[in-house]
C-alpha atoms as a PDB file:
ATOM      1  CA  MET A   1      -9.611  11.358  16.262  1.00  0.00           C
ATOM      2  CA  SER A   2     -12.191   8.965  17.649  1.00  0.00           C
ATOM      3  CA  LYS A   3     -11.764   6.535  14.754  1.00  0.00           C
ATOM      4  CA  ARG A   4      -8.991   3.994  15.273  1.00  0.00           C
ATOM      5  CA  ALA A   5      -6.210   4.582  12.768  1.00  0.00           C
ATOM      6  CA  VAL A   6      -5.329   1.824  10.299  1.00  0.00           C
ATOM      7  CA  LEU A   7      -1.808   0.416  10.612  1.00  0.00           C
ATOM      8  CA  GLU A   8      -0.613  -1.553   7.580  1.00  0.00           C
ATOM      9  CA  VAL A   9       2.679  -3.464   7.785  1.00  0.00           C
ATOM     10  CA  ILE A  10       4.719  -5.024   4.969  1.00  0.00           C
ATOM     11  CA  ALA A  11       5.029  -8.812   5.340  1.00  0.00           C
ATOM     12  CA  LEU A  12       7.327 -11.063   3.328  1.00  0.00           C
ATOM     13  CA  ASP A  13       6.301 -14.393   4.869  1.00  0.00           C
ATOM     14  CA  GLU A  14       4.152 -15.980   7.549  1.00  0.00           C
ATOM     15  CA  GLU A  15       6.660 -15.222  10.328  1.00  0.00           C
ATOM     16  CA  ASP A  16       6.381 -11.514   9.494  1.00  0.00           C
ATOM     17  CA  ALA A  17       2.616 -11.767   9.269  1.00  0.00           C
ATOM     18  CA  VAL A  18       2.197 -13.402  12.686  1.00  0.00           C
ATOM     19  CA  ALA A  19       4.568 -10.878  14.297  1.00  0.00           C
ATOM     20  CA  ALA A  20       2.815  -7.904  12.687  1.00  0.00           C
ATOM     21  CA  GLN A  21      -0.619  -9.109  13.774  1.00  0.00           C
ATOM     22  CA  ALA A  22       0.675  -9.736  17.310  1.00  0.00           C
ATOM     23  CA  GLY A  23       2.007  -6.177  17.415  1.00  0.00           C
ATOM     24  CA  GLY A  24      -1.346  -4.699  16.470  1.00  0.00           C
ATOM     25  CA  ALA A  25      -1.284  -4.362  12.673  1.00  0.00           C
ATOM     26  CA  ASP A  26      -4.738  -3.999  11.119  1.00  0.00           C
ATOM     27  CA  ARG A  27      -3.697  -5.097   7.640  1.00  0.00           C
ATOM     28  CA  LEU A  28      -0.680  -6.486   5.805  1.00  0.00           C
ATOM     29  CA  GLU A  29       0.811  -5.646   2.445  1.00  0.00           C
ATOM     30  CA  LEU A  30       2.221  -8.868   1.001  1.00  0.00           C
ATOM     31  CA  VAL A  31       5.317  -8.610  -1.175  1.00  0.00           C
ATOM     32  CA  THR A  32       8.478 -10.490  -2.027  1.00  0.00           C
ATOM     33  CA  ASP A  33      11.918  -9.165  -2.965  1.00  0.00           C
ATOM     34  CA  MET A  34      12.291  -5.822  -1.224  1.00  0.00           C
ATOM     35  CA  ALA A  35      15.561  -5.345  -3.120  1.00  0.00           C
ATOM     36  CA  ALA A  36      13.245  -4.613  -6.071  1.00  0.00           C
ATOM     37  CA  ASP A  37      10.976  -2.513  -3.836  1.00  0.00           C
ATOM     38  CA  GLY A  38       8.366  -5.255  -3.455  1.00  0.00           C
ATOM     39  CA  LEU A  39       7.080  -7.744  -6.042  1.00  0.00           C
ATOM     40  CA  THR A  40       4.120 -10.129  -6.307  1.00  0.00           C
ATOM     41  CA  PRO A  41       4.260 -13.069  -3.891  1.00  0.00           C
ATOM     42  CA  SER A  42       3.687 -16.632  -5.063  1.00  0.00           C
ATOM     43  CA  ARG A  43       0.335 -18.364  -4.703  1.00  0.00           C
ATOM     44  CA  THR A  44       1.827 -20.704  -2.093  1.00  0.00           C
ATOM     45  CA  GLY A  45       3.372 -17.775  -0.214  1.00  0.00           C
ATOM     46  CA  PHE A  46       0.005 -16.027  -0.134  1.00  0.00           C
ATOM     47  CA  ALA A  47      -1.775 -19.189   0.997  1.00  0.00           C
ATOM     48  CA  ALA A  48       0.691 -19.752   3.855  1.00  0.00           C
ATOM     49  CA  ILE A  49       0.204 -16.206   5.134  1.00  0.00           C
ATOM     50  CA  ARG A  50      -3.564 -16.382   4.695  1.00  0.00           C
ATOM     51  CA  ALA A  51      -3.587 -19.524   6.848  1.00  0.00           C
ATOM     52  CA  ALA A  52      -1.373 -17.933   9.523  1.00  0.00           C
ATOM     53  CA  VAL A  53      -3.294 -14.723  10.277  1.00  0.00           C
ATOM     54  CA  ASP A  54      -6.865 -13.460  10.163  1.00  0.00           C
ATOM     55  CA  ILE A  55      -6.360  -9.762   9.354  1.00  0.00           C
ATOM     56  CA  PRO A  56      -6.878  -8.383   5.816  1.00  0.00           C
ATOM     57  CA  LEU A  57      -4.091  -8.906   3.277  1.00  0.00           C
ATOM     58  CA  ARG A  58      -3.340  -6.608   0.352  1.00  0.00           C
ATOM     59  CA  VAL A  59      -1.294  -8.438  -2.270  1.00  0.00           C
ATOM     60  CA  MET A  60       1.208  -6.577  -4.457  1.00  0.00           C
ATOM     61  CA  LEU A  61       0.771  -6.911  -8.228  1.00  0.00           C
ATOM     62  CA  ARG A  62       4.169  -6.031  -9.683  1.00  0.00           C
ATOM     63  CA  LEU A  63       6.639  -8.151 -11.637  1.00  0.00           C
ATOM     64  CA  THR A  64       9.677  -5.856 -11.918  1.00  0.00           C
ATOM     65  CA  ASP A  65      11.281  -2.937 -10.131  1.00  0.00           C
ATOM     66  CA  GLY A  66      10.051   0.474 -11.272  1.00  0.00           C
ATOM     67  CA  PHE A  67       6.641   1.782 -12.279  1.00  0.00           C
ATOM     68  CA  ALA A  68       6.191   0.316 -15.773  1.00  0.00           C
ATOM     69  CA  ALA A  69       3.631  -2.482 -16.056  1.00  0.00           C
ATOM     70  CA  GLY A  70       5.988  -4.777 -17.963  1.00  0.00           C
ATOM     71  CA  ASP A  71       4.475  -8.076 -19.111  1.00  0.00           C
ATOM     72  CA  ILE A  72       0.832  -7.271 -18.459  1.00  0.00           C
ATOM     73  CA  ASP A  73      -0.440 -10.624 -19.763  1.00  0.00           C
ATOM     74  CA  ARG A  74       1.712 -12.408 -17.200  1.00  0.00           C
ATOM     75  CA  LEU A  75       0.628 -10.052 -14.444  1.00  0.00           C
ATOM     76  CA  VAL A  76      -3.059 -10.529 -15.283  1.00  0.00           C
ATOM     77  CA  ALA A  77      -2.520 -14.301 -15.091  1.00  0.00           C
ATOM     78  CA  ARG A  78      -0.804 -13.946 -11.691  1.00  0.00           C
ATOM     79  CA  ALA A  79      -3.666 -11.780 -10.432  1.00  0.00           C
ATOM     80  CA  ALA A  80      -6.232 -14.331 -11.593  1.00  0.00           C
ATOM     81  CA  ASP A  81      -4.262 -17.120  -9.895  1.00  0.00           C
ATOM     82  CA  LEU A  82      -4.103 -15.188  -6.606  1.00  0.00           C
ATOM     83  CA  ARG A  83      -7.819 -14.419  -6.805  1.00  0.00           C
ATOM     84  CA  ASP A  84      -8.426 -18.127  -7.298  1.00  0.00           C
ATOM     85  CA  ALA A  85      -6.325 -18.805  -4.170  1.00  0.00           C
ATOM     86  CA  GLY A  86      -8.570 -16.486  -2.163  1.00  0.00           C
ATOM     87  CA  ALA A  87      -6.807 -13.104  -2.365  1.00  0.00           C
ATOM     88  CA  ASP A  88      -9.432 -10.369  -2.195  1.00  0.00           C
ATOM     89  CA  GLN A  89      -7.443  -7.122  -1.748  1.00  0.00           C
ATOM     90  CA  PHE A  90      -4.568  -5.865  -3.894  1.00  0.00           C
ATOM     91  CA  VAL A  91      -1.927  -3.171  -4.397  1.00  0.00           C
ATOM     92  CA  LEU A  92      -0.888  -1.908  -7.837  1.00  0.00           C
ATOM     93  CA  GLY A  93       0.156   1.191  -9.721  1.00  0.00           C
ATOM     94  CA  PHE A  94       1.683   1.749 -13.150  1.00  0.00           C
ATOM     95  CA  LEU A  95       2.826   4.796 -15.076  1.00  0.00           C
ATOM     96  CA  THR A  96       3.464   5.463 -18.762  1.00  0.00           C
ATOM     97  CA  PRO A  97       6.942   6.679 -19.776  1.00  0.00           C
ATOM     98  CA  ASP A  98       5.560  10.238 -19.489  1.00  0.00           C
ATOM     99  CA  GLY A  99       4.495   9.638 -15.888  1.00  0.00           C
ATOM    100  CA  ASP A 100       0.749   9.481 -16.467  1.00  0.00           C
ATOM    101  CA  ALA A 101      -1.353   6.639 -15.090  1.00  0.00           C
ATOM    102  CA  ASP A 102      -1.028   3.587 -17.372  1.00  0.00           C
ATOM    103  CA  LEU A 103      -4.765   3.139 -17.726  1.00  0.00           C
ATOM    104  CA  VAL A 104      -4.476   0.236 -20.150  1.00  0.00           C
ATOM    105  CA  ALA A 105      -2.522  -1.852 -17.640  1.00  0.00           C
ATOM    106  CA  VAL A 106      -4.522  -0.733 -14.610  1.00  0.00           C
ATOM    107  CA  GLU A 107      -7.891  -1.343 -16.278  1.00  0.00           C
ATOM    108  CA  ARG A 108      -6.866  -4.836 -17.417  1.00  0.00           C
ATOM    109  CA  LEU A 109      -5.949  -5.773 -13.862  1.00  0.00           C
ATOM    110  CA  VAL A 110      -9.022  -4.155 -12.340  1.00  0.00           C
ATOM    111  CA  THR A 111     -11.177  -6.236 -14.691  1.00  0.00           C
ATOM    112  CA  VAL A 112      -9.586  -9.437 -13.347  1.00  0.00           C
ATOM    113  CA  LEU A 113      -9.900  -8.217  -9.754  1.00  0.00           C
ATOM    114  CA  ASP A 114     -13.645  -8.105 -10.378  1.00  0.00           C
ATOM    115  CA  GLY A 115     -14.681  -5.641  -7.673  1.00  0.00           C
ATOM    116  CA  CYS A 116     -11.928  -6.402  -5.126  1.00  0.00           C
ATOM    117  CA  ARG A 117     -10.661  -3.422  -3.171  1.00  0.00           C
ATOM    118  CA  TRP A 118      -7.220  -2.150  -4.104  1.00  0.00           C
ATOM    119  CA  THR A 119      -4.566   0.456  -3.326  1.00  0.00           C
ATOM    120  CA  PHE A 120      -2.840   2.590  -5.962  1.00  0.00           C
ATOM    121  CA  HIS A 121       0.668   2.671  -4.543  1.00  0.00           C
ATOM    122  CA  ARG A 122       3.507   5.171  -4.556  1.00  0.00           C
ATOM    123  CA  ALA A 123       3.549   5.500  -8.327  1.00  0.00           C
ATOM    124  CA  ILE A 124       1.411   8.567  -7.507  1.00  0.00           C
ATOM    125  CA  ASP A 125       4.557  10.106  -5.984  1.00  0.00           C
ATOM    126  CA  ARG A 126       6.313   9.817  -9.378  1.00  0.00           C
ATOM    127  CA  THR A 127       3.654  11.451 -11.566  1.00  0.00           C
ATOM    128  CA  PRO A 128       4.094  15.074 -12.670  1.00  0.00           C
ATOM    129  CA  ASP A 129       0.403  15.818 -11.996  1.00  0.00           C
ATOM    130  CA  ARG A 130      -1.098  14.064  -8.976  1.00  0.00           C
ATOM    131  CA  ASP A 131      -4.460  15.746  -9.379  1.00  0.00           C
ATOM    132  CA  ALA A 132      -4.772  14.614 -13.020  1.00  0.00           C
ATOM    133  CA  LEU A 133      -3.781  11.062 -12.065  1.00  0.00           C
ATOM    134  CA  ARG A 134      -6.439  10.934  -9.343  1.00  0.00           C
ATOM    135  CA  LYS A 135      -9.072  12.114 -11.794  1.00  0.00           C
ATOM    136  CA  GLN A 136      -7.912   9.571 -14.410  1.00  0.00           C
ATOM    137  CA  LEU A 137      -8.427   6.763 -11.913  1.00  0.00           C
ATOM    138  CA  ALA A 138     -11.509   8.136 -10.142  1.00  0.00           C
ATOM    139  CA  ASP A 139     -14.099   5.898 -11.805  1.00  0.00           C
ATOM    140  CA  LEU A 140     -12.259   2.589 -11.509  1.00  0.00           C
ATOM    141  CA  PRO A 141     -14.111   0.029  -9.386  1.00  0.00           C
ATOM    142  CA  GLY A 142     -12.478  -1.061  -6.147  1.00  0.00           C
ATOM    143  CA  LEU A 143      -9.944   1.774  -5.771  1.00  0.00           C
ATOM    144  CA  ASP A 144     -10.265   2.774  -2.116  1.00  0.00           C
ATOM    145  CA  THR A 145      -6.715   3.805  -1.102  1.00  0.00           C
ATOM    146  CA  TYR A 146      -3.670   5.766  -2.254  1.00  0.00           C
ATOM    147  CA  LEU A 147      -0.357   4.777  -0.646  1.00  0.00           C
ATOM    148  CA  THR A 148       1.693   7.968  -0.759  1.00  0.00           C
ATOM    149  CA  ALA A 149       4.472   9.887   0.959  1.00  0.00           C
ATOM    150  CA  GLY A 150       3.473  13.071  -0.861  1.00  0.00           C
ATOM    151  CA  SER A 151       6.905  13.089  -2.520  1.00  0.00           C
ATOM    152  CA  PRO A 152       9.223  10.578  -4.238  1.00  0.00           C
ATOM    153  CA  THR A 153      11.788  11.253  -1.494  1.00  0.00           C
ATOM    154  CA  GLY A 154       9.505  10.494   1.444  1.00  0.00           C
ATOM    155  CA  VAL A 155       7.154  11.970   4.012  1.00  0.00           C
ATOM    156  CA  ASP A 156       9.626  14.608   5.250  1.00  0.00           C
ATOM    157  CA  ASP A 157       9.439  16.354   1.868  1.00  0.00           C
ATOM    158  CA  GLY A 158       5.855  15.326   1.143  1.00  0.00           C
ATOM    159  CA  LEU A 159       4.147  16.653   4.280  1.00  0.00           C
ATOM    160  CA  PRO A 160       2.723  19.812   2.649  1.00  0.00           C
ATOM    161  CA  VAL A 161       1.247  17.743  -0.198  1.00  0.00           C
ATOM    162  CA  LEU A 162      -0.245  15.189   2.205  1.00  0.00           C
ATOM    163  CA  LEU A 163      -1.847  17.915   4.305  1.00  0.00           C
ATOM    164  CA  ALA A 164      -3.231  19.663   1.206  1.00  0.00           C
ATOM    165  CA  GLU A 165      -4.691  16.424  -0.177  1.00  0.00           C
ATOM    166  CA  ALA A 166      -6.170  15.518   3.207  1.00  0.00           C
ATOM    167  CA  ALA A 167      -8.015  18.849   3.134  1.00  0.00           C
ATOM    168  CA  ARG A 168      -9.620  17.833  -0.186  1.00  0.00           C
ATOM    169  CA  ALA A 169     -11.051  14.536   1.111  1.00  0.00           C
ATOM    170  CA  GLY A 170     -14.370  13.759  -0.550  1.00  0.00           C
ATOM    171  CA  GLU A 171     -13.783  15.884  -3.664  1.00  0.00           C
ATOM    172  CA  PRO A 172     -13.850  14.074  -7.035  1.00  0.00           C
ATOM    173  CA  GLY A 173     -10.689  11.937  -7.194  1.00  0.00           C
ATOM    174  CA  TYR A 174     -10.040  12.429  -3.470  1.00  0.00           C
ATOM    175  CA  GLU A 175     -12.549   9.943  -2.072  1.00  0.00           C
ATOM    176  CA  PRO A 176     -10.031   7.097  -1.599  1.00  0.00           C
ATOM    177  CA  GLN A 177      -8.314   6.966   1.769  1.00  0.00           C
ATOM    178  CA  ILE A 178      -4.775   8.333   1.982  1.00  0.00           C
ATOM    179  CA  LEU A 179      -2.436   5.660   3.374  1.00  0.00           C
ATOM    180  CA  VAL A 180       0.722   7.491   4.432  1.00  0.00           C
ATOM    181  CA  GLY A 181       3.935   5.562   3.851  1.00  0.00           C
ATOM    182  CA  GLY A 182       7.479   6.024   2.640  1.00  0.00           C
ATOM    183  CA  GLY A 183      10.025   7.300   5.123  1.00  0.00           C
ATOM    184  CA  LEU A 184       7.281   7.709   7.723  1.00  0.00           C
ATOM    185  CA  ARG A 185       8.502   8.362  11.260  1.00  0.00           C
ATOM    186  CA  LEU A 186       6.743   8.475  14.605  1.00  0.00           C
ATOM    187  CA  ASP A 187       7.385  12.210  14.895  1.00  0.00           C
ATOM    188  CA  HIS A 188       5.344  12.814  11.728  1.00  0.00           C
ATOM    189  CA  LEU A 189       2.209  11.322  13.280  1.00  0.00           C
ATOM    190  CA  PRO A 190       0.885  14.277  15.324  1.00  0.00           C
ATOM    191  CA  ARG A 191       0.669  16.609  12.293  1.00  0.00           C
ATOM    192  CA  LEU A 192      -0.766  13.917  10.055  1.00  0.00           C
ATOM    193  CA  ARG A 193      -3.368  12.849  12.623  1.00  0.00           C
ATOM    194  CA  ALA A 194      -4.313  16.482  13.308  1.00  0.00           C
ATOM    195  CA  ALA A 195      -5.012  16.862   9.565  1.00  0.00           C
ATOM    196  CA  GLY A 196      -7.470  13.969   9.755  1.00  0.00           C
ATOM    197  CA  LEU A 197      -5.249  11.324   8.194  1.00  0.00           C
ATOM    198  CA  ALA A 198      -6.067   7.914   9.622  1.00  0.00           C
ATOM    199  CA  ALA A 199      -4.096   5.233   7.744  1.00  0.00           C
ATOM    200  CA  PHE A 200      -0.379   4.541   7.985  1.00  0.00           C
ATOM    201  CA  HIS A 201       1.989   2.080   6.285  1.00  0.00           C
ATOM    202  CA  ILE A 202       5.343   0.878   7.633  1.00  0.00           C
ATOM    203  CA  GLY A 203       8.026  -1.416   6.264  1.00  0.00           C
ATOM    204  CA  GLY A 204      11.522  -0.799   7.549  1.00  0.00           C
ATOM    205  CA  ALA A 205      10.140   0.803  10.720  1.00  0.00           C
ATOM    206  CA  SER A 206       8.799  -2.599  11.785  1.00  0.00           C
ATOM    207  CA  ARG A 207      12.247  -4.214  11.335  1.00  0.00           C
ATOM    208  CA  PRO A 208      14.829  -2.728  13.694  1.00  0.00           C
ATOM    209  CA  HIS A 209      17.421  -5.199  12.384  1.00  0.00           C
ATOM    210  CA  GLY A 210      16.810  -4.521   8.681  1.00  0.00           C
ATOM    211  CA  TRP A 211      15.102  -6.354   5.840  1.00  0.00           C
ATOM    212  CA  THR A 212      17.081  -9.559   6.353  1.00  0.00           C
ATOM    213  CA  ALA A 213      15.488  -9.944   9.806  1.00  0.00           C
ATOM    214  CA  PRO A 214      11.798 -10.548  10.506  1.00  0.00           C
ATOM    215  CA  VAL A 215       9.184  -8.056  11.608  1.00  0.00           C
ATOM    216  CA  SER A 216       9.418  -7.246  15.311  1.00  0.00           C
ATOM    217  CA  PRO A 217       6.076  -7.377  17.143  1.00  0.00           C
ATOM    218  CA  ASP A 218       7.497  -4.910  19.667  1.00  0.00           C
ATOM    219  CA  ALA A 219       8.371  -2.416  16.924  1.00  0.00           C
ATOM    220  CA  VAL A 220       4.855  -2.715  15.491  1.00  0.00           C
ATOM    221  CA  ARG A 221       3.384  -2.276  18.980  1.00  0.00           C
ATOM    222  CA  VAL A 222       5.218   1.048  19.377  1.00  0.00           C
ATOM    223  CA  TRP A 223       3.395   2.328  16.270  1.00  0.00           C
ATOM    224  CA  ARG A 224       0.072   0.883  17.414  1.00  0.00           C
ATOM    225  CA  GLU A 225       0.375   2.628  20.756  1.00  0.00           C
ATOM    226  CA  ALA A 226       1.438   5.920  19.146  1.00  0.00           C
ATOM    227  CA  LEU A 227      -1.579   5.815  16.824  1.00  0.00           C
ATOM    228  CA  ASP A 228      -3.959   4.919  19.654  1.00  0.00           C
ATOM    229  CA  ALA A 229      -2.596   7.560  22.054  1.00  0.00           C
END
């Protein structure tokens, strides 16, 4: 418990980013269009946020709602453009129609990312075999995090899976850090922290007035203080 826990907050724009940093966020996940569950921001949107804060930014690579890669050529071009603008951490995750990792799409993006660190997001919560997916992705350069609730329906249902995966830390496929997010509540934290989990992701929890209102630094601070307690 000595290690400070990582708190990652979703930011849609520079106002969110400044508020999240002020509240104690360690890192931001940059997205647009939460109605589609978070899509790739524009180059100018990224640049504005990068200029506004000095904490790490993980940029979503996703063009459409859902977990299919869609137009991978276009997504590779967007990734290259964001890299050129200075983005150096990313978030991605694609599945085949059968629910396996879409290695073709992921490997094409990872090639463009050229060693940048990246998170495989909650697509892992939609695969029929989490262990197989982790092993499929284990050798890809830069993969250092899985964003997961342990279940498609959120942390409440996923707790047993999260605790079991935390116990396997360091095994093949389980080296990346688990970033817990998706219906995460403050009352989940004691069990998760006791299991050794040390990275947490919030979106709606940082916005007491909903997605149409900005991030509240006070709401973020509540999470920071709970994690530091």
